[in-house]
Amino acid sequence: MPHSKFVNRKTLVSITVAMATAALAGTAGANDARTSIPADMAAAMQRDLNLTAEQLPRFFKLQHETLAREAQARRAFGANFAGGWLERTTAGDFRYVVATAGAAKASLPGSEVRQVRHSLHKLEGTMAPPVDYVWVAAGSQARNEQTAKSDQDNCLVLDNRYDPAQHGAYFKELARFVCDGLDACGYIYCPGEMMAMTDQWRQPQRVWADYFARWTSTPDPKALMLTCVFFDLRAVHGQSALLDDLRRDVLQRTQGNSLFLAHMVGNALQHQPPLGLFKGIATIRSGEHKGTVDLKHTGVVPIVDLARVYALAGGDNAVNTHDRLVGAAAGGAISEQSARDLRDALEFLAFTRIQHQARQITAGDKPDNYLRLDDLSNFERTQLKDAFTVVQSLQNVLSHRYRM
């Protein structure tokens, strides 16, 4: 399939916002936003942020005021200040939110004040850790691919000097503190408890090495499920060398390990694109989501799984799916054209998923991954079918390469 069939949407909204805000610097005021930036940029922001022409200048006004509002909040709340951010309202506008660990009835003109447990001052004053550690994001957060409906997956890799009797309480409290904070920010607790506050996922480096050795040597269904989460890891804070050493050991175990890789491929093929007998898009036939397509498990996940197998087979330490596909082509695991097609398919599916969730949030609904084809134009449906066809084709290639 030609590379040009997919719409390229690699320019992030955040970059557009930054460029537009910079373009407005020095103008008479934010109310002139629609005439102070190029019309195509304004149109793109209205589309990607789902703003009306009337909401756009109000959004820019708040963007201009954020630094001043933060300074005001810091003065007002002092050591109790815990941060500030712009937030979308159910009506579609934006508001500035300030977090404080102070009095419950605190207020600040022009801002919404919310109470939190801990201030930045308290966070910065936490005592030094007793041994080195690295806080590690896992799954979609490690790949930098989370969306509006992402739970948290994380773990702690501790220095091998770690002694549960002496150091356990500190790291248990640290893990609970961070996981609670992520949940409060909207990254809900992992339903499978794959978080650092679970004792099993808060261990010294040697224990993690044992985990990976067992998962790769005995790839039963549970081990394969865990590898799909914990083979995608990214250091967030702490001594990243603890994770780097672990990853090198893991890749040495997986590169050329045909039996393990065959099991990984078999596990990956459980997520198939929803294409019918005549290559039409097949929607879910029954249940709560009848008549929809699951953009995550039958669209994005199959590409993520393919890229993970390519990385493990080739000893590539990349974590992001796009980067893994680039590495797979460079290493000869797939052709340059196939890698481009998969990257474009992933980009289209991910963007369609985010658009779908943004519409739901704007309507006041809970975001999910289930899209009705009626929400797409005929052009978008054709692209969706093309994306699914690319994924199915590459799955077939991999299944023949690693026959059980």
Protein backbone atom coordinates (compact mmCIF):
# COMPACT_ATOMS: atom_id res chain seq x y z
CA MET A 1 0.00 0.00 0.00
CA PRO A 2 1.45 3.43 -0.91
CA HIS A 3 2.91 5.49 1.89
CA SER A 4 0.81 8.51 0.89
CA LYS A 5 -2.54 6.93 1.76
CA PHE A 6 -2.32 8.08 5.38
CA VAL A 7 -2.80 11.65 6.55
CA ASN A 8 0.37 12.91 8.29
CA ARG A 9 -0.48 14.43 11.70
CA LYS A 10 2.90 14.38 13.43
CA THR A 11 2.71 18.05 14.49
CA LEU A 12 1.62 17.96 18.11
CA VAL A 13 -1.03 20.29 19.44
CA SER A 14 1.34 21.41 22.19
CA ILE A 15 3.84 22.64 19.59
CA THR A 16 1.09 24.46 17.74
CA VAL A 17 -0.02 26.14 20.95
CA ALA A 18 3.53 27.21 21.75
CA MET A 19 4.07 28.62 18.25
CA ALA A 20 0.78 30.45 18.28
CA THR A 21 1.38 31.87 21.74
CA ALA A 22 4.79 33.10 20.67
CA ALA A 23 3.24 34.66 17.59
CA LEU A 24 0.90 36.62 19.84
CA ALA A 25 3.67 38.06 21.98
CA GLY A 26 3.70 41.84 21.82
CA THR A 27 0.25 42.17 20.28
CA ALA A 28 -2.45 44.46 21.63
CA GLY A 29 -4.18 41.60 23.47
CA ALA A 30 -5.34 38.02 23.37
CA ASN A 31 -8.70 39.04 21.96
CA ASP A 32 -6.93 39.73 18.69
CA ALA A 33 -5.86 36.06 18.47
CA ARG A 34 -7.80 35.22 15.34
CA THR A 35 -6.21 38.05 13.40
CA SER A 36 -2.74 37.93 14.99
CA ILE A 37 -1.81 34.42 13.86
CA PRO A 38 -2.15 32.82 10.44
CA ALA A 39 -5.67 31.71 9.63
CA ASP A 40 -4.57 28.14 8.89
CA MET A 41 -2.90 27.86 12.30
CA ALA A 42 -5.99 29.21 14.04
CA ALA A 43 -8.15 26.75 12.10
CA ALA A 44 -5.83 23.86 13.02
CA MET A 45 -5.99 24.77 16.71
CA GLN A 46 -9.77 25.02 16.61
CA ARG A 47 -9.89 21.58 15.04
CA ASP A 48 -7.30 19.83 17.20
CA LEU A 49 -8.36 21.43 20.50
CA ASN A 50 -12.02 21.23 19.51
CA LEU A 51 -12.54 24.98 20.07
CA THR A 52 -15.06 27.33 18.56
CA ALA A 53 -13.96 30.63 17.04
CA GLU A 54 -15.25 32.36 20.19
CA GLN A 55 -13.38 30.03 22.56
CA LEU A 56 -10.00 30.41 20.83
CA PRO A 57 -9.22 33.99 22.03
CA ARG A 58 -10.29 33.09 25.58
CA PHE A 59 -7.93 30.13 25.50
CA PHE A 60 -5.04 32.38 24.39
CA LYS A 61 -5.90 34.89 27.09
CA LEU A 62 -5.47 32.19 29.73
CA GLN A 63 -2.27 30.97 28.06
CA HIS A 64 -0.83 34.49 28.38
CA GLU A 65 -1.84 34.74 32.02
CA THR A 66 -0.51 31.40 33.29
CA LEU A 67 2.89 32.65 34.49
CA ALA A 68 1.36 35.65 36.24
CA ARG A 69 -1.32 33.46 37.81
CA GLU A 70 1.27 31.00 39.07
CA ALA A 71 3.32 33.80 40.59
CA GLN A 72 0.17 35.14 42.27
CA ALA A 73 -0.64 31.68 43.64
CA ARG A 74 2.88 31.20 44.98
CA ARG A 75 2.64 34.52 46.81
CA ALA A 76 -0.81 33.73 48.16
CA PHE A 77 -0.18 30.19 49.38
CA GLY A 78 3.55 30.25 50.10
CA ALA A 79 4.85 26.87 51.27
CA ASN A 80 1.40 25.32 50.70
CA PHE A 81 1.48 25.96 46.93
CA ALA A 82 1.32 22.63 45.06
CA GLY A 83 1.12 23.62 41.39
CA GLY A 84 -1.16 25.10 38.75
CA TRP A 85 -2.48 24.13 35.32
CA LEU A 86 -5.00 24.90 32.58
CA GLU A 87 -8.02 22.59 32.52
CA ARG A 88 -10.89 22.09 30.06
CA THR A 89 -14.38 22.60 31.50
CA THR A 90 -17.44 20.53 30.62
CA ALA A 91 -18.71 23.54 28.67
CA GLY A 92 -15.61 23.43 26.47
CA ASP A 93 -13.85 26.52 27.87
CA PHE A 94 -10.64 26.54 29.91
CA ARG A 95 -9.90 27.55 33.49
CA TYR A 96 -6.77 27.96 35.59
CA VAL A 97 -6.61 25.56 38.52
CA VAL A 98 -4.37 26.03 41.56
CA ALA A 99 -3.55 23.25 44.03
CA THR A 100 -2.77 24.01 47.66
CA ALA A 101 -2.13 21.95 50.76
CA GLY A 102 -3.43 24.80 52.93
CA ALA A 103 -6.80 25.71 54.40
CA ALA A 104 -9.90 24.08 52.92
CA LYS A 105 -11.59 27.44 52.24
CA ALA A 106 -8.68 29.06 50.41
CA SER A 107 -9.55 31.10 47.34
CA LEU A 108 -7.80 33.09 44.63
CA PRO A 109 -9.56 35.54 42.29
CA GLY A 110 -9.84 34.22 38.74
CA SER A 111 -8.66 30.72 39.61
CA GLU A 112 -10.23 27.55 40.91
CA VAL A 113 -8.49 26.36 44.07
CA ARG A 114 -8.29 22.67 44.94
CA GLN A 115 -7.00 20.97 48.05
CA VAL A 116 -4.24 18.36 47.85
CA ARG A 117 -2.39 16.35 50.45
CA HIS A 118 1.17 17.54 49.85
CA SER A 119 2.78 20.80 48.80
CA LEU A 120 5.80 21.24 46.53
CA HIS A 121 7.72 22.41 49.58
CA LYS A 122 7.05 19.09 51.32
CA LEU A 123 7.96 17.12 48.20
CA GLU A 124 11.25 18.93 47.81
CA GLY A 125 12.03 18.51 51.51
CA THR A 126 11.65 14.72 51.58
CA MET A 127 14.62 13.00 53.21
CA ALA A 128 17.26 11.43 50.98
CA PRO A 129 16.66 7.78 50.00
CA PRO A 130 18.64 5.19 52.00
CA VAL A 131 19.87 3.43 48.82
CA ASP A 132 19.85 4.27 45.13
CA TYR A 133 16.70 3.57 43.14
CA VAL A 134 15.03 4.38 39.84
CA TRP A 135 11.34 5.06 39.39
CA VAL A 136 10.30 3.35 36.17
CA ALA A 137 7.27 3.93 33.95
CA ALA A 138 5.94 0.82 32.22
CA GLY A 139 3.57 0.04 29.36
CA SER A 140 2.10 2.93 27.38
CA GLN A 141 3.58 5.53 29.73
CA ALA A 142 7.05 4.11 29.10
CA ARG A 143 6.43 4.24 25.35
CA ASN A 144 5.08 7.83 25.62
CA GLU A 145 1.86 6.61 24.00
CA GLN A 146 -0.77 7.10 26.70
CA THR A 147 -4.15 8.67 25.88
CA ALA A 148 -7.10 10.10 27.81
CA LYS A 149 -7.95 6.61 29.01
CA SER A 150 -4.65 5.33 30.42
CA ASP A 151 -4.13 3.76 33.81
CA GLN A 152 -0.74 3.78 35.51
CA ASP A 153 1.86 1.03 35.19
CA ASN A 154 5.11 1.56 37.08
CA CYS A 155 7.71 -0.10 39.26
CA LEU A 156 10.77 0.57 41.39
CA VAL A 157 14.18 -0.93 40.69
CA LEU A 158 16.29 -0.69 43.85
CA ASP A 159 20.01 -0.96 44.40
CA ASN A 160 21.13 -4.45 45.38
CA ARG A 161 22.17 -3.06 48.79
CA TYR A 162 18.46 -2.78 49.58
CA ASP A 163 17.53 -4.41 52.89
CA PRO A 164 13.75 -4.86 53.41
CA ALA A 165 14.10 -4.59 57.20
CA GLN A 166 16.03 -1.32 57.09
CA HIS A 167 14.76 0.32 53.91
CA GLY A 168 11.38 -1.27 53.17
CA ALA A 169 9.23 1.30 54.96
CA TYR A 170 10.81 4.24 53.11
CA PHE A 171 10.23 2.83 49.63
CA LYS A 172 6.76 1.56 50.48
CA GLU A 173 5.78 5.08 51.55
CA LEU A 174 7.45 6.61 48.48
CA ALA A 175 5.59 4.25 46.14
CA ARG A 176 2.24 4.91 47.81
CA PHE A 177 2.85 8.66 47.68
CA VAL A 178 3.61 8.71 43.95
CA CYS A 179 0.89 6.22 42.93
CA ASP A 180 -1.72 8.14 44.95
CA GLY A 181 -0.59 11.36 43.29
CA LEU A 182 -0.82 9.87 39.80
CA ASP A 183 -4.31 8.63 40.57
CA ALA A 184 -5.32 12.09 41.75
CA CYS A 185 -4.01 13.52 38.46
CA GLY A 186 -6.18 11.13 36.43
CA TYR A 187 -3.77 8.24 35.87
CA ILE A 188 -5.95 5.76 37.69
CA TYR A 189 -4.62 2.81 39.65
CA CYS A 190 -3.79 -0.19 37.49
CA PRO A 191 -6.63 -2.74 37.82
CA GLY A 192 -3.98 -5.50 37.71
CA GLU A 193 -1.95 -3.75 40.46
CA MET A 194 1.15 -3.46 38.25
CA MET A 195 2.41 -0.53 40.28
CA ALA A 196 5.36 0.22 42.53
CA MET A 197 3.11 0.22 45.58
CA THR A 198 2.61 -3.54 45.02
CA ASP A 199 5.44 -5.31 46.86
CA GLN A 200 6.20 -7.62 43.91
CA TRP A 201 7.03 -4.65 41.66
CA ARG A 202 9.26 -2.84 44.18
CA GLN A 203 12.38 -4.96 44.25
CA PRO A 204 16.20 -4.78 44.00
CA GLN A 205 17.85 -5.16 40.62
CA ARG A 206 18.86 -8.79 41.19
CA VAL A 207 15.23 -9.80 41.83
CA TRP A 208 14.11 -8.07 38.62
CA ALA A 209 16.85 -9.95 36.75
CA ASP A 210 15.42 -13.19 38.14
CA TYR A 211 11.92 -12.17 37.02
CA PHE A 212 13.03 -11.61 33.43
CA ALA A 213 15.12 -14.80 33.37
CA ARG A 214 12.08 -16.81 34.45
CA TRP A 215 9.70 -15.10 32.02
CA THR A 216 11.98 -15.67 29.03
CA SER A 217 12.86 -19.28 29.89
CA THR A 218 9.31 -20.36 30.78
CA PRO A 219 6.96 -18.23 28.62
CA ASP A 220 3.60 -19.39 30.01
CA PRO A 221 0.50 -17.21 29.49
CA LYS A 222 1.05 -15.19 32.68
CA ALA A 223 4.71 -14.63 31.84
CA LEU A 224 3.78 -13.43 28.35
CA MET A 225 1.21 -11.04 29.80
CA LEU A 226 3.80 -9.60 32.19
CA THR A 227 6.40 -9.23 29.44
CA CYS A 228 4.00 -7.08 27.42
CA VAL A 229 4.01 -4.60 30.31
CA PHE A 230 7.47 -4.89 31.83
CA PHE A 231 9.51 -5.17 28.64
CA ASP A 232 8.40 -1.61 27.89
CA LEU A 233 10.24 0.38 30.57
CA ARG A 234 11.54 3.95 30.84
CA ALA A 235 13.48 5.57 33.68
CA VAL A 236 11.61 8.58 35.08
CA HIS A 237 13.59 9.55 38.16
CA GLY A 238 16.62 8.26 40.03
CA GLN A 239 19.65 6.23 39.00
CA SER A 240 18.84 5.23 35.42
CA ALA A 241 21.90 2.95 35.30
CA LEU A 242 19.95 0.46 37.43
CA LEU A 243 17.46 0.08 34.58
CA ASP A 244 20.06 0.31 31.81
CA ASP A 245 21.98 -2.68 33.19
CA LEU A 246 18.76 -4.66 33.53
CA ARG A 247 17.67 -3.91 29.97
CA ARG A 248 21.01 -5.00 28.53
CA ASP A 249 20.68 -8.33 30.32
CA VAL A 250 17.10 -8.79 29.07
CA LEU A 251 17.97 -8.07 25.44
CA GLN A 252 20.85 -10.53 25.58
CA ARG A 253 18.35 -13.18 26.69
CA THR A 254 15.75 -12.41 24.00
CA GLN A 255 17.89 -11.75 20.92
CA GLY A 256 17.83 -14.91 18.82
CA ASN A 257 15.71 -16.79 21.41
CA SER A 258 13.42 -18.42 18.84
CA LEU A 259 11.27 -20.35 21.32
CA PHE A 260 10.52 -17.31 23.45
CA LEU A 261 9.90 -15.10 20.40
CA ALA A 262 7.53 -17.68 18.90
CA HIS A 263 5.49 -17.58 22.10
CA MET A 264 5.53 -13.76 21.99
CA VAL A 265 4.26 -13.82 18.40
CA GLY A 266 1.52 -16.30 19.32
CA ASN A 267 0.47 -14.02 22.16
CA ALA A 268 0.53 -10.97 19.87
CA LEU A 269 -1.69 -12.68 17.28
CA GLN A 270 -4.50 -12.87 19.82
CA HIS A 271 -5.20 -9.24 18.88
CA GLN A 272 -6.36 -9.28 15.25
CA PRO A 273 -7.55 -6.32 13.14
CA PRO A 274 -11.34 -6.41 12.67
CA LEU A 275 -11.44 -7.35 8.98
CA GLY A 276 -14.19 -9.60 7.63
CA LEU A 277 -14.05 -12.34 5.02
CA PHE A 278 -14.08 -9.84 2.15
CA LYS A 279 -11.72 -7.41 3.92
CA GLY A 280 -14.48 -5.10 5.09
CA ILE A 281 -14.37 -3.67 8.62
CA ALA A 282 -16.25 -5.96 11.02
CA THR A 283 -17.80 -4.29 14.05
CA ILE A 284 -18.40 -5.95 17.42
CA ARG A 285 -21.48 -8.16 17.06
CA SER A 286 -22.97 -8.19 20.55
CA GLY A 287 -22.73 -6.83 24.06
CA GLU A 288 -22.33 -3.34 25.45
CA HIS A 289 -20.17 -2.19 22.51
CA LYS A 290 -22.17 -3.76 19.70
CA GLY A 291 -21.70 -1.98 16.37
CA THR A 292 -18.34 -0.42 17.28
CA VAL A 293 -14.66 -1.00 16.56
CA ASP A 294 -12.16 -1.34 19.43
CA LEU A 295 -9.44 1.06 18.32
CA LYS A 296 -7.08 -0.02 21.11
CA HIS A 297 -7.10 -3.81 21.19
CA THR A 298 -7.74 -4.45 17.49
CA GLY A 299 -5.88 -1.41 16.14
CA VAL A 300 -3.11 0.13 18.23
CA VAL A 301 -2.15 -2.90 20.35
CA PRO A 302 -1.36 -5.22 17.39
CA ILE A 303 1.15 -2.67 16.05
CA VAL A 304 2.69 -2.17 19.49
CA ASP A 305 3.02 -5.97 19.83
CA LEU A 306 4.67 -6.32 16.42
CA ALA A 307 7.18 -3.57 17.22
CA ARG A 308 7.98 -5.16 20.59
CA VAL A 309 8.77 -8.51 18.96
CA TYR A 310 11.02 -6.78 16.40
CA ALA A 311 12.90 -5.01 19.23
CA LEU A 312 13.35 -8.11 21.38
CA ALA A 313 14.45 -10.20 18.39
CA GLY A 314 16.95 -7.59 17.24
CA GLY A 315 18.30 -6.56 20.64
CA ASP A 316 17.04 -3.00 20.11
CA ASN A 317 16.75 -1.01 23.35
CA ALA A 318 14.20 1.45 21.90
CA VAL A 319 10.91 1.63 23.82
CA ASN A 320 8.67 3.92 21.78
CA THR A 321 6.78 2.02 19.06
CA HIS A 322 7.71 4.45 16.29
CA ASP A 323 11.40 4.19 17.25
CA ARG A 324 11.19 0.40 17.36
CA LEU A 325 9.78 0.30 13.84
CA VAL A 326 12.57 2.54 12.60
CA GLY A 327 15.08 0.20 14.26
CA ALA A 328 13.39 -2.88 12.79
CA ALA A 329 13.81 -1.50 9.28
CA ALA A 330 17.42 -0.47 9.92
CA GLY A 331 18.18 -3.97 11.22
CA GLY A 332 16.49 -5.72 8.30
CA ALA A 333 13.64 -7.31 10.30
CA ILE A 334 11.14 -5.65 7.93
CA SER A 335 11.44 -3.57 4.78
CA GLU A 336 11.63 0.22 4.85
CA GLN A 337 8.25 0.36 3.10
CA SER A 338 6.60 -1.97 5.63
CA ALA A 339 8.02 0.04 8.51
CA ARG A 340 6.68 3.28 7.00
CA ASP A 341 3.26 1.71 6.45
CA LEU A 342 3.11 0.49 10.05
CA ARG A 343 4.20 3.87 11.40
CA ASP A 344 1.57 5.66 9.32
CA ALA A 345 -1.08 3.15 10.33
CA LEU A 346 -0.20 3.64 14.01
CA GLU A 347 -0.29 7.40 13.64
CA PHE A 348 -3.69 7.34 11.96
CA LEU A 349 -5.18 4.90 14.49
CA ALA A 350 -3.77 6.79 17.47
CA PHE A 351 -5.01 10.14 16.16
CA THR A 352 -8.46 8.72 15.41
CA ARG A 353 -8.58 7.27 18.93
CA ILE A 354 -7.61 10.59 20.54
CA GLN A 355 -10.15 12.48 18.42
CA HIS A 356 -12.83 10.01 19.49
CA GLN A 357 -11.95 10.45 23.17
CA ALA A 358 -11.78 14.24 22.85
CA ARG A 359 -15.31 14.29 21.43
CA GLN A 360 -16.53 12.16 24.33
CA ILE A 361 -14.87 14.40 26.93
CA THR A 362 -16.32 17.51 25.28
CA ALA A 363 -19.78 15.92 25.42
CA GLY A 364 -19.30 15.14 29.11
CA ASP A 365 -19.00 11.38 28.49
CA LYS A 366 -16.41 8.98 29.87
CA PRO A 367 -13.70 8.37 27.22
CA ASP A 368 -13.34 4.86 25.82
CA ASN A 369 -11.81 3.07 22.82
CA TYR A 370 -15.01 2.03 21.03
CA LEU A 371 -15.69 3.94 17.83
CA ARG A 372 -18.83 3.84 15.69
CA LEU A 373 -18.02 3.90 12.00
CA ASP A 374 -20.79 6.46 11.49
CA ASP A 375 -18.54 8.96 13.27
CA LEU A 376 -16.06 8.77 10.38
CA SER A 377 -16.20 10.22 6.89
CA ASN A 378 -15.99 7.85 3.92
CA PHE A 379 -12.39 8.96 3.42
CA GLU A 380 -11.52 8.16 7.05
CA ARG A 381 -13.21 4.76 6.81
CA THR A 382 -11.06 3.94 3.80
CA GLN A 383 -7.95 4.94 5.72
CA LEU A 384 -9.05 2.86 8.70
CA LYS A 385 -9.51 -0.18 6.49
CA ASP A 386 -6.09 0.40 4.88
CA ALA A 387 -4.49 0.64 8.33
CA PHE A 388 -6.06 -2.65 9.45
CA THR A 389 -4.93 -4.31 6.21
CA VAL A 390 -1.32 -3.24 6.77
CA VAL A 391 -1.36 -4.68 10.29
CA GLN A 392 -2.92 -7.96 9.19
CA SER A 393 -0.36 -8.36 6.42
CA LEU A 394 2.62 -7.88 8.76
CA GLN A 395 1.08 -10.19 11.35
CA ASN A 396 0.90 -12.91 8.71
CA VAL A 397 4.57 -12.42 7.84
CA LEU A 398 5.61 -12.71 11.48
CA SER A 399 3.46 -15.79 12.09
CA HIS A 400 5.21 -17.60 9.23
CA ARG A 401 8.64 -16.53 10.47
CA TYR A 402 8.06 -17.89 13.98
CA ARG A 403 6.02 -21.05 13.52
CA MET A 404 5.52 -23.03 16.73
